[in-house]
N, C-alpha and C. Protein backbone atom coordinates (compact mmCIF):
# COMPACT_ATOMS: atom_id res chain seq x y z
N MET A 1 -15.04 237.81 -38.01
CA MET A 1 -14.49 239.01 -38.06
C MET A 1 -13.05 238.53 -38.63
N LYS A 2 -12.27 239.79 -39.48
CA LYS A 2 -11.50 238.99 -40.81
C LYS A 2 -10.20 239.97 -39.68
N SER A 3 -9.11 239.20 -39.38
CA SER A 3 -8.16 239.82 -39.19
C SER A 3 -7.04 240.21 -39.94
N SER A 4 -6.39 241.47 -39.68
CA SER A 4 -5.12 241.71 -40.74
C SER A 4 -4.10 240.73 -40.35
N GLY A 5 -4.35 240.39 -39.16
CA GLY A 5 -2.92 240.30 -38.76
C GLY A 5 -2.24 241.30 -37.87
N SER A 6 -2.45 242.31 -37.64
CA SER A 6 -1.89 243.51 -36.74
C SER A 6 -2.48 242.96 -35.25
N ASP A 7 -2.90 242.22 -34.94
CA ASP A 7 -3.25 241.92 -33.83
C ASP A 7 -2.15 240.80 -33.48
N VAL A 8 -1.62 240.39 -34.18
CA VAL A 8 -0.59 239.17 -33.78
C VAL A 8 1.16 239.75 -33.68
N THR A 9 1.77 239.28 -32.70
CA THR A 9 3.28 239.91 -32.99
C THR A 9 4.29 238.60 -32.57
N ILE A 10 4.98 238.25 -33.55
CA ILE A 10 5.96 237.42 -34.08
C ILE A 10 7.14 238.07 -32.83
N VAL A 11 7.64 236.40 -31.92
CA VAL A 11 8.35 236.60 -30.98
C VAL A 11 9.41 235.50 -31.22
N MET A 12 10.58 236.01 -31.74
CA MET A 12 11.82 234.99 -32.40
C MET A 12 12.89 235.27 -31.52
N ILE A 13 13.21 233.87 -30.80
CA ILE A 13 14.47 234.06 -30.13
C ILE A 13 15.98 233.68 -30.94
N THR A 14 16.87 233.99 -30.58
CA THR A 14 18.08 233.50 -31.14
C THR A 14 19.24 233.32 -30.78
N HIS A 15 20.33 232.68 -30.69
CA HIS A 15 21.37 232.83 -30.42
C HIS A 15 22.51 232.20 -31.31
N ASN A 16 23.42 233.42 -31.70
CA ASN A 16 24.91 232.91 -32.30
C ASN A 16 24.13 232.17 -34.16
N ARG A 17 23.08 232.84 -34.70
CA ARG A 17 22.39 232.05 -35.63
C ARG A 17 22.41 233.08 -36.69
N LEU A 18 22.84 234.65 -37.07
CA LEU A 18 22.85 235.28 -37.70
C LEU A 18 22.38 234.91 -38.82
N VAL A 19 23.07 234.09 -39.78
CA VAL A 19 22.39 233.41 -41.00
C VAL A 19 20.84 233.93 -41.20
N GLU A 20 20.87 232.16 -40.26
CA GLU A 20 19.17 231.85 -40.37
C GLU A 20 18.49 232.81 -40.09
N VAL A 21 18.64 233.91 -38.89
CA VAL A 21 17.73 234.81 -38.76
C VAL A 21 17.24 235.56 -39.77
N LEU A 22 18.95 236.38 -40.30
CA LEU A 22 18.39 236.95 -41.67
C LEU A 22 17.44 236.29 -42.77
N LEU A 23 17.67 235.02 -43.02
CA LEU A 23 16.54 234.34 -44.29
C LEU A 23 15.26 233.84 -43.53
N SER A 24 14.99 234.16 -42.12
CA SER A 24 13.70 233.68 -41.93
C SER A 24 13.18 235.27 -41.39
N LEU A 25 13.65 236.43 -41.75
CA LEU A 25 13.43 237.57 -41.51
C LEU A 25 12.68 238.16 -43.02
N GLU A 26 13.63 237.64 -43.76
CA GLU A 26 13.21 237.84 -45.32
C GLU A 26 11.78 237.51 -45.38
N HIS A 27 11.69 235.95 -45.13
CA HIS A 27 10.20 235.48 -45.37
C HIS A 27 9.36 236.11 -44.54
N LEU A 28 9.76 236.17 -43.25
CA LEU A 28 8.72 236.83 -42.43
C LEU A 28 7.93 238.63 -42.59
N SER A 29 9.29 238.90 -43.06
CA SER A 29 8.87 240.62 -43.53
C SER A 29 7.89 241.06 -45.22
N ARG A 30 7.74 239.11 -45.64
CA ARG A 30 7.07 239.73 -46.86
C ARG A 30 5.40 238.79 -46.11
N LEU A 31 4.85 239.09 -45.48
CA LEU A 31 3.86 238.71 -45.03
C LEU A 31 3.20 239.52 -45.24
N VAL A 32 1.81 238.97 -45.82
CA VAL A 32 1.15 240.25 -46.35
C VAL A 32 0.10 240.85 -45.02
N GLU A 33 -0.33 239.54 -43.63
CA GLU A 33 -0.23 240.56 -42.37
C GLU A 33 0.32 241.38 -42.14
N ARG A 34 1.80 241.48 -42.04
CA ARG A 34 2.52 242.82 -41.53
C ARG A 34 2.33 242.78 -40.35
N PRO A 35 2.85 241.69 -39.65
CA PRO A 35 2.82 241.48 -38.10
C PRO A 35 3.98 242.59 -37.56
N LYS A 36 3.91 242.57 -36.15
CA LYS A 36 4.68 243.18 -35.78
C LYS A 36 6.19 242.44 -35.48
N ILE A 37 6.95 242.25 -35.59
CA ILE A 37 8.54 241.46 -35.44
C ILE A 37 9.43 241.87 -34.49
N LEU A 38 9.39 240.84 -33.48
CA LEU A 38 10.42 241.00 -32.32
C LEU A 38 10.95 240.15 -32.08
N VAL A 39 12.66 240.09 -32.27
CA VAL A 39 13.59 239.14 -32.56
C VAL A 39 13.93 239.50 -31.05
N VAL A 40 14.31 238.31 -30.36
CA VAL A 40 15.11 238.45 -28.76
C VAL A 40 15.95 237.97 -28.92
N ASP A 41 17.52 238.34 -28.86
CA ASP A 41 18.81 237.62 -29.21
C ASP A 41 19.46 237.25 -27.62
N ASN A 42 19.38 236.47 -27.69
CA ASN A 42 19.93 235.55 -26.75
C ASN A 42 21.55 235.51 -26.42
N GLY A 43 21.80 236.77 -26.34
CA GLY A 43 23.08 236.74 -25.94
C GLY A 43 24.28 236.63 -26.90
N SER A 44 23.49 236.59 -28.18
CA SER A 44 24.89 236.40 -29.20
C SER A 44 26.25 237.24 -29.68
N GLY A 45 27.26 236.72 -29.85
CA GLY A 45 28.52 237.15 -29.90
C GLY A 45 28.66 237.44 -31.83
N ASP A 46 27.57 237.04 -32.10
CA ASP A 46 27.98 236.93 -33.69
C ASP A 46 27.47 238.21 -34.85
N GLY A 47 26.73 238.87 -33.95
CA GLY A 47 26.50 240.47 -34.64
C GLY A 47 24.93 240.64 -34.77
N THR A 48 24.30 239.74 -34.27
CA THR A 48 22.73 239.71 -34.59
C THR A 48 22.13 240.60 -34.63
N ALA A 49 22.12 241.47 -33.22
CA ALA A 49 21.11 242.62 -32.98
C ALA A 49 21.63 243.28 -34.43
N ALA A 50 22.75 243.85 -34.06
CA ALA A 50 23.16 244.93 -35.07
C ALA A 50 22.88 244.81 -36.49
N ALA A 51 23.23 243.74 -36.76
CA ALA A 51 22.76 242.73 -38.45
C ALA A 51 20.91 243.27 -39.05
N VAL A 52 20.42 242.45 -37.97
CA VAL A 52 18.72 242.74 -37.88
C VAL A 52 18.69 244.05 -37.54
N GLY A 53 19.34 245.04 -37.03
CA GLY A 53 19.12 246.69 -36.94
C GLY A 53 19.34 246.92 -38.41
N ARG A 54 20.20 247.00 -39.12
CA ARG A 54 21.04 247.57 -40.40
C ARG A 54 19.22 246.99 -41.65
N GLN A 55 19.44 245.47 -41.69
CA GLN A 55 18.99 245.11 -43.15
C GLN A 55 17.38 245.17 -42.29
N PHE A 56 16.69 245.05 -41.50
CA PHE A 56 15.49 245.02 -40.69
C PHE A 56 15.18 246.04 -39.76
N PRO A 57 15.06 247.30 -40.89
CA PRO A 57 14.80 248.35 -39.39
C PRO A 57 13.40 248.33 -39.07
N HIS A 58 12.30 247.84 -39.62
CA HIS A 58 11.07 247.68 -39.27
C HIS A 58 11.15 246.23 -37.70
N VAL A 59 12.30 245.63 -37.51
CA VAL A 59 12.15 244.67 -36.19
C VAL A 59 12.88 245.40 -35.34
N GLU A 60 12.16 245.38 -34.64
CA GLU A 60 12.42 245.31 -32.83
C GLU A 60 13.35 244.47 -32.70
N VAL A 61 14.58 244.69 -31.50
CA VAL A 61 15.09 243.51 -31.27
C VAL A 61 15.35 243.88 -30.02
N LEU A 62 15.26 243.16 -29.08
CA LEU A 62 15.20 243.22 -27.58
C LEU A 62 16.92 241.82 -27.62
N THR A 63 18.08 242.64 -26.98
CA THR A 63 19.44 241.80 -26.51
C THR A 63 19.17 241.36 -25.00
N LEU A 64 19.47 240.49 -25.07
CA LEU A 64 19.80 240.31 -23.72
C LEU A 64 21.09 239.72 -23.35
N ALA A 65 21.66 240.02 -22.05
CA ALA A 65 23.18 239.63 -21.69
C ALA A 65 23.63 238.29 -22.01
N GLU A 66 22.60 238.13 -21.67
CA GLU A 66 23.41 236.24 -21.68
C GLU A 66 21.91 235.36 -22.16
N ASN A 67 22.03 234.16 -22.56
CA ASN A 67 21.43 232.72 -23.54
C ASN A 67 20.37 232.44 -22.78
N LEU A 68 19.14 233.02 -22.48
CA LEU A 68 18.28 232.22 -21.58
C LEU A 68 17.86 230.89 -21.96
N GLY A 69 17.52 230.71 -23.08
CA GLY A 69 17.22 229.58 -23.77
C GLY A 69 15.53 230.13 -23.79
N ALA A 70 14.77 228.94 -23.98
CA ALA A 70 13.34 229.35 -24.08
C ALA A 70 12.90 230.39 -23.31
N ALA A 71 13.20 230.86 -22.21
CA ALA A 71 12.77 231.87 -21.41
C ALA A 71 12.77 232.84 -21.88
N GLY A 72 13.71 233.12 -22.81
CA GLY A 72 13.82 234.45 -23.54
C GLY A 72 12.67 234.62 -24.13
N ARG A 73 11.68 234.04 -24.81
CA ARG A 73 10.61 233.63 -24.82
C ARG A 73 9.19 234.35 -24.28
N THR A 74 9.51 234.53 -22.82
CA THR A 74 8.62 235.02 -22.19
C THR A 74 9.07 236.24 -21.97
N ILE A 75 9.89 236.84 -22.11
CA ILE A 75 10.06 238.22 -21.85
C ILE A 75 9.75 239.15 -23.71
N GLY A 76 9.83 238.18 -24.08
CA GLY A 76 9.66 238.75 -25.75
C GLY A 76 7.89 238.84 -25.65
N VAL A 77 7.31 238.08 -25.09
CA VAL A 77 5.74 238.03 -24.99
C VAL A 77 5.44 238.90 -23.34
N ALA A 78 6.08 238.95 -22.64
CA ALA A 78 6.07 240.11 -22.34
C ALA A 78 6.27 241.53 -22.79
N HIS A 79 6.93 241.61 -23.44
CA HIS A 79 7.28 243.23 -23.97
C HIS A 79 6.23 243.22 -25.42
N ALA A 80 5.79 242.30 -25.51
CA ALA A 80 4.76 242.75 -26.66
C ALA A 80 3.49 243.50 -26.02
N SER A 81 2.49 243.89 -27.05
CA SER A 81 1.74 244.39 -26.84
C SER A 81 -0.16 244.12 -27.37
N THR A 82 0.13 243.59 -28.58
CA THR A 82 -0.62 242.83 -29.39
C THR A 82 -1.28 241.76 -28.15
N PRO A 83 -2.78 241.03 -28.61
CA PRO A 83 -3.64 240.19 -27.47
C PRO A 83 -3.04 238.66 -28.00
N TYR A 84 -2.09 238.49 -29.47
CA TYR A 84 -1.94 237.15 -29.55
C TYR A 84 -0.22 236.99 -30.15
N VAL A 85 0.48 236.22 -29.91
CA VAL A 85 2.16 236.48 -30.41
C VAL A 85 2.41 235.10 -31.14
N ALA A 86 3.13 234.95 -32.49
CA ALA A 86 3.13 234.04 -33.07
C ALA A 86 4.74 233.51 -32.64
N PHE A 87 4.80 232.32 -32.08
CA PHE A 87 6.55 232.19 -32.00
C PHE A 87 7.24 231.64 -33.00
N CYS A 88 8.08 231.83 -33.52
CA CYS A 88 8.71 231.77 -34.21
C CYS A 88 10.13 231.09 -33.98
N ASP A 89 10.67 230.18 -34.48
CA ASP A 89 12.19 229.81 -34.02
C ASP A 89 13.09 230.51 -35.54
N ASP A 90 14.44 230.87 -35.20
CA ASP A 90 15.18 231.42 -36.16
C ASP A 90 15.65 230.98 -37.30
N ASP A 91 14.31 229.54 -37.58
CA ASP A 91 15.27 229.26 -38.56
C ASP A 91 13.58 228.31 -39.31
N THR A 92 12.83 229.55 -38.94
CA THR A 92 11.34 229.06 -39.74
C THR A 92 10.78 230.41 -39.97
N TRP A 93 9.52 230.30 -40.15
CA TRP A 93 8.61 231.26 -40.90
C TRP A 93 7.21 230.66 -41.40
N TRP A 94 6.07 231.69 -41.15
CA TRP A 94 4.88 231.22 -40.86
C TRP A 94 4.55 231.56 -42.53
N GLU A 95 3.41 230.93 -42.71
CA GLU A 95 2.93 230.88 -44.27
C GLU A 95 2.35 231.97 -44.27
N PRO A 96 2.13 233.37 -45.47
CA PRO A 96 1.17 234.02 -45.56
C PRO A 96 -0.85 233.68 -45.08
N GLY A 97 -1.03 234.33 -44.81
CA GLY A 97 -2.47 234.13 -44.97
C GLY A 97 -2.57 233.59 -42.62
N SER A 98 -1.43 233.29 -42.75
CA SER A 98 -1.52 231.90 -41.32
C SER A 98 -1.79 232.74 -40.08
N LEU A 99 -1.13 233.43 -40.08
CA LEU A 99 -1.45 234.34 -38.61
C LEU A 99 -2.82 235.15 -38.56
N GLY A 100 -3.35 235.85 -39.78
CA GLY A 100 -4.70 236.51 -40.06
C GLY A 100 -5.91 235.39 -39.12
N ARG A 101 -5.37 234.22 -39.53
CA ARG A 101 -6.71 233.14 -39.65
C ARG A 101 -6.32 232.87 -38.02
N ALA A 102 -5.35 232.40 -37.64
CA ALA A 102 -5.32 232.20 -36.30
C ALA A 102 -6.10 233.29 -35.23
N ALA A 103 -5.69 234.26 -35.38
CA ALA A 103 -6.11 235.78 -34.73
C ALA A 103 -7.66 235.89 -34.70
N ASP A 104 -8.27 235.30 -36.34
CA ASP A 104 -9.54 235.36 -36.28
C ASP A 104 -9.95 233.84 -35.14
N LEU A 105 -9.53 232.85 -35.48
CA LEU A 105 -9.87 232.06 -34.70
C LEU A 105 -9.78 231.96 -33.05
N PHE A 106 -8.84 233.05 -32.64
CA PHE A 106 -8.78 233.36 -31.25
C PHE A 106 -9.80 234.41 -31.03
N ASP A 107 -10.26 235.13 -32.14
CA ASP A 107 -11.42 235.94 -31.41
C ASP A 107 -12.90 235.21 -30.87
N VAL A 108 -13.48 234.35 -32.19
CA VAL A 108 -14.32 233.35 -32.13
C VAL A 108 -14.20 232.26 -30.89
N HIS A 109 -12.67 231.66 -30.77
CA HIS A 109 -13.02 230.77 -29.78
C HIS A 109 -12.05 231.41 -28.26
N PRO A 110 -13.02 232.04 -27.30
CA PRO A 110 -11.80 232.90 -26.50
C PRO A 110 -11.50 232.07 -25.11
N GLN A 111 -12.03 230.55 -25.56
CA GLN A 111 -11.53 229.69 -24.68
C GLN A 111 -10.24 228.97 -25.16
N VAL A 112 -9.13 229.69 -25.89
CA VAL A 112 -8.48 228.62 -26.44
C VAL A 112 -7.18 229.67 -26.11
N ALA A 113 -6.20 228.76 -25.96
CA ALA A 113 -4.54 229.72 -25.39
C ALA A 113 -3.98 229.17 -26.00
N VAL A 114 -3.67 228.61 -27.06
CA VAL A 114 -2.76 228.20 -28.12
C VAL A 114 -3.40 227.47 -29.13
N MET A 115 -2.99 227.71 -30.39
CA MET A 115 -2.74 226.69 -31.89
C MET A 115 -1.64 226.80 -32.24
N THR A 116 -1.42 225.64 -32.57
CA THR A 116 -0.41 224.75 -32.95
C THR A 116 -0.03 224.63 -34.56
N GLY A 117 0.49 225.07 -35.55
CA GLY A 117 0.39 225.48 -36.79
C GLY A 117 1.17 223.88 -37.35
N ARG A 118 0.06 223.02 -38.79
CA ARG A 118 0.89 222.42 -38.97
C ARG A 118 2.59 223.04 -39.75
N ILE A 119 3.24 221.71 -39.16
CA ILE A 119 4.82 222.04 -39.72
C ILE A 119 5.43 221.73 -41.02
N LEU A 120 5.53 222.49 -42.27
CA LEU A 120 6.11 221.90 -43.89
C LEU A 120 7.93 221.76 -43.69
N VAL A 121 8.12 220.86 -44.41
CA VAL A 121 10.23 220.71 -43.99
C VAL A 121 10.60 220.26 -45.23
N GLY A 122 11.30 222.02 -45.69
CA GLY A 122 12.29 221.21 -46.90
C GLY A 122 11.98 222.41 -48.32
N PRO A 123 12.56 221.90 -49.43
CA PRO A 123 11.34 222.31 -50.36
C PRO A 123 10.45 221.80 -50.86
N GLU A 124 10.58 220.46 -51.05
CA GLU A 124 8.81 219.58 -51.14
C GLU A 124 7.92 219.75 -49.86
N ASN A 125 7.94 220.81 -48.81
CA ASN A 125 7.08 220.82 -48.04
C ASN A 125 6.20 219.97 -47.61
N ARG A 126 7.22 218.63 -47.15
CA ARG A 126 6.65 217.28 -46.57
C ARG A 126 6.35 217.84 -44.81
N GLU A 127 4.86 217.14 -44.61
CA GLU A 127 4.71 217.28 -43.17
C GLU A 127 5.57 216.27 -42.40
N ASP A 128 5.84 217.42 -41.06
CA ASP A 128 6.85 216.77 -40.21
C ASP A 128 6.33 215.57 -39.79
N PRO A 129 6.93 214.83 -39.55
CA PRO A 129 6.45 213.46 -38.37
C PRO A 129 5.88 214.18 -37.31
N ILE A 130 6.33 214.72 -36.41
CA ILE A 130 5.62 215.37 -35.49
C ILE A 130 4.05 216.24 -35.41
N CYS A 131 3.60 216.26 -36.76
CA CYS A 131 2.34 216.86 -36.76
C CYS A 131 1.59 215.27 -36.46
N GLY A 132 2.01 214.35 -36.86
CA GLY A 132 1.29 213.14 -37.11
C GLY A 132 1.05 212.45 -35.37
N GLU A 133 1.96 212.32 -34.82
CA GLU A 133 2.00 212.35 -33.11
C GLU A 133 0.91 213.77 -32.52
N LEU A 134 1.39 214.64 -32.43
CA LEU A 134 0.04 215.62 -31.91
C LEU A 134 -1.13 215.30 -31.86
N GLU A 135 -1.60 215.31 -33.31
CA GLU A 135 -2.81 214.88 -33.85
C GLU A 135 -3.25 213.53 -32.78
N GLN A 136 -2.40 212.68 -32.51
CA GLN A 136 -2.53 211.75 -31.94
C GLN A 136 -3.12 211.82 -30.31
N SER A 137 -3.62 213.13 -30.09
CA SER A 137 -3.83 213.20 -28.52
C SER A 137 -4.46 212.41 -27.97
N PRO A 138 -4.70 212.10 -26.76
CA PRO A 138 -5.48 211.28 -26.39
C PRO A 138 -6.79 211.93 -25.80
N LEU A 139 -7.08 212.93 -25.97
CA LEU A 139 -8.11 213.95 -25.44
C LEU A 139 -9.00 213.67 -26.30
N PRO A 140 -10.13 213.87 -25.63
CA PRO A 140 -11.13 213.88 -26.25
C PRO A 140 -11.41 214.78 -27.38
N ASP A 141 -11.91 215.03 -28.56
CA ASP A 141 -12.53 216.04 -29.33
C ASP A 141 -13.32 216.90 -28.87
N GLU A 142 -13.36 218.20 -29.33
CA GLU A 142 -14.08 219.55 -28.46
C GLU A 142 -14.98 220.10 -29.75
N PRO A 143 -16.08 219.20 -30.35
CA PRO A 143 -16.58 219.57 -31.39
C PRO A 143 -16.51 220.97 -31.97
N ASP A 144 -17.00 221.99 -30.40
CA ASP A 144 -17.46 223.40 -30.56
C ASP A 144 -15.83 224.27 -30.58
N LEU A 145 -14.25 223.42 -30.79
CA LEU A 145 -13.58 223.96 -31.09
C LEU A 145 -12.92 223.86 -32.22
N PRO A 146 -11.85 224.63 -32.54
CA PRO A 146 -11.39 224.48 -34.12
C PRO A 146 -10.10 222.98 -33.82
N GLY A 147 -9.70 222.47 -34.91
CA GLY A 147 -8.25 221.83 -34.90
C GLY A 147 -8.60 220.22 -34.22
N TYR A 148 -7.63 219.73 -33.39
CA TYR A 148 -6.94 218.72 -32.51
C TYR A 148 -6.80 219.44 -31.24
N PRO A 149 -7.77 218.68 -29.84
CA PRO A 149 -6.97 219.09 -29.04
C PRO A 149 -5.97 218.49 -28.67
N LEU A 150 -4.59 218.94 -28.01
CA LEU A 150 -3.35 218.75 -27.95
C LEU A 150 -3.25 218.76 -26.17
N LEU A 151 -2.26 217.73 -25.57
CA LEU A 151 -1.60 217.59 -24.43
C LEU A 151 -0.29 218.50 -24.54
N GLY A 152 0.29 218.76 -25.42
CA GLY A 152 1.78 219.28 -25.43
C GLY A 152 1.75 220.52 -27.52
N PHE A 153 2.65 221.17 -27.31
CA PHE A 153 2.88 221.53 -28.48
C PHE A 153 4.31 222.15 -28.76
N LEU A 154 4.19 222.75 -30.05
CA LEU A 154 5.80 222.88 -30.45
C LEU A 154 5.58 224.52 -29.89
N ALA A 155 6.44 225.23 -29.75
CA ALA A 155 6.45 226.93 -29.16
C ALA A 155 6.98 227.16 -30.75
N GLY A 156 7.65 226.54 -31.26
CA GLY A 156 8.37 227.16 -32.56
C GLY A 156 7.34 227.54 -33.83
N ALA A 157 6.46 226.78 -33.60
CA ALA A 157 5.37 226.79 -34.87
C ALA A 157 3.87 227.06 -33.43
N SER A 158 3.45 227.21 -32.70
CA SER A 158 2.50 227.87 -31.67
C SER A 158 2.51 229.55 -31.73
N VAL A 159 1.03 229.71 -32.27
CA VAL A 159 0.45 231.07 -31.70
C VAL A 159 -0.07 231.04 -30.63
N ILE A 160 -0.03 231.95 -28.96
CA ILE A 160 -1.13 231.74 -28.44
C ILE A 160 -1.29 232.95 -27.75
N ARG A 161 -2.46 233.27 -27.04
CA ARG A 161 -3.47 234.58 -26.34
C ARG A 161 -2.35 234.33 -25.26
N ARG A 162 -1.78 236.17 -25.81
CA ARG A 162 -0.88 236.48 -24.72
C ARG A 162 -0.89 236.69 -23.41
N SER A 163 -2.52 236.99 -22.76
CA SER A 163 -3.24 236.99 -21.78
C SER A 163 -3.05 235.84 -20.91
N ALA A 164 -3.22 234.39 -21.64
CA ALA A 164 -3.18 233.24 -20.71
C ALA A 164 -1.74 232.99 -20.41
N PHE A 165 -0.91 233.38 -21.62
CA PHE A 165 0.59 232.66 -21.34
C PHE A 165 1.29 233.48 -20.25
N LEU A 166 1.13 234.74 -20.18
CA LEU A 166 1.12 235.29 -18.95
C LEU A 166 0.78 235.35 -17.62
N GLU A 167 -0.49 234.50 -17.48
CA GLU A 167 -1.46 234.04 -16.72
C GLU A 167 -0.73 232.87 -16.20
N VAL A 168 0.00 232.18 -16.73
CA VAL A 168 0.99 231.47 -16.50
C VAL A 168 2.32 231.48 -16.27
N ARG A 169 2.26 232.20 -16.53
CA ARG A 169 4.25 232.84 -16.29
C ARG A 169 5.08 231.96 -17.78
N GLY A 170 4.35 231.83 -18.18
CA GLY A 170 5.22 231.70 -19.43
C GLY A 170 6.07 230.28 -19.31
N PHE A 171 7.42 230.70 -20.36
CA PHE A 171 8.36 229.21 -19.49
C PHE A 171 8.70 229.13 -18.65
N GLU A 172 9.15 228.37 -18.04
CA GLU A 172 9.83 228.04 -16.46
C GLU A 172 11.49 228.33 -16.94
N SER A 173 11.60 229.51 -15.87
CA SER A 173 12.86 230.02 -16.42
C SER A 173 14.33 228.92 -15.94
N ARG A 174 13.77 228.08 -15.41
CA ARG A 174 14.70 226.93 -14.39
C ARG A 174 15.26 225.96 -15.38
N PHE A 175 14.15 226.00 -16.88
CA PHE A 175 14.52 224.99 -18.01
C PHE A 175 15.20 225.84 -18.96
N PHE A 176 16.22 225.52 -19.38
CA PHE A 176 17.19 226.34 -20.60
C PHE A 176 16.62 225.93 -21.64
N ARG A 177 15.99 224.94 -22.37
CA ARG A 177 15.13 224.41 -24.03
C ARG A 177 14.58 223.63 -23.59
N ALA A 178 13.16 224.51 -23.18
CA ALA A 178 12.23 223.67 -22.61
C ALA A 178 11.40 223.53 -23.77
N ARG A 179 10.66 222.06 -23.94
CA ARG A 179 9.37 221.87 -25.01
C ARG A 179 8.33 222.68 -24.14
N MET A 180 7.75 222.93 -24.54
CA MET A 180 5.97 223.61 -24.49
C MET A 180 5.61 221.82 -23.42
N SER A 181 5.69 221.30 -24.28
CA SER A 181 4.84 219.91 -23.89
C SER A 181 5.51 219.29 -22.08
N GLU A 182 6.47 220.00 -22.10
CA GLU A 182 7.18 219.23 -20.64
C GLU A 182 7.29 220.06 -20.04
N VAL A 183 6.73 221.29 -19.96
CA VAL A 183 6.76 222.65 -18.65
C VAL A 183 5.58 223.18 -18.46
N SER A 184 5.22 223.96 -20.04
CA SER A 184 3.98 224.72 -19.53
C SER A 184 2.63 224.53 -19.66
N SER A 185 2.70 223.41 -20.78
CA SER A 185 0.93 222.99 -21.49
C SER A 185 0.08 222.78 -19.94
N SER A 186 0.74 221.94 -19.33
CA SER A 186 -0.35 221.58 -18.03
C SER A 186 -0.99 223.03 -17.35
N ARG A 187 0.04 224.18 -17.00
CA ARG A 187 -0.79 225.35 -16.76
C ARG A 187 -1.38 225.87 -17.11
N PHE A 188 -1.65 225.82 -19.04
CA PHE A 188 -2.98 226.12 -19.74
C PHE A 188 -4.42 225.15 -19.11
N ALA A 189 -3.96 224.21 -18.80
CA ALA A 189 -5.26 223.56 -18.62
C ALA A 189 -5.51 223.91 -17.22
N THR A 190 -6.93 224.72 -17.34
CA THR A 190 -8.07 224.93 -16.68
C THR A 190 -9.44 224.55 -16.49
C-alpha cells in the first residue's frame, strides 16, 4: 500500500533557535507527502512561536513554559494523532518521499517500532559517520525486516510507531538531553 505520508506527523523540538527553525520549516513545508508538522517550543524567549505562527500557519505550535529538552518530544508525540511520528531537530529536515516510504514499511512490518534515516550533511550531502557506526550493530540480521537491526538510534533522524513509543513512555523526563540509544531503546526491545 502506497502511503501519502498523511499517516505521519513531524515533531520538531526547539529552544531559542528561531533562524534554524524557520529554515527547516521551509524545507519541510515543501514535502510532497504534506505531513502534519508540530513544533514543540521548549520555552524559547526569541519569539519562535509567534514567528512560526505568522510564517507557517499550517504548522501547529505547542509552547511549553520551560525547556524540557528531549522530553518535549514525548509531549509532541502524545499530542499527535497519526500512527507514525517523524522526529526532526530544528536544524534538520526530511527528504521528499522518505516519510511516505517509512509509513509504507511500518504498514508492512507491524513488529518494527522505530526506523532511523540515513543522515546527509552539508551542501555536498556527505554521509554522517554515525550512519556507519549504527550499521555496525552487534545484533544479528533479521532477514524479514527492512534495514539493519540497531541497538540505538538518533531521535532527530528517526520515525517511530506512535503506539510503541507511548507504550514505553517515551523519553525519560529526568534526562534533559537524552540520546535514544542511552535512554529508551532498551524499553523498545521486547
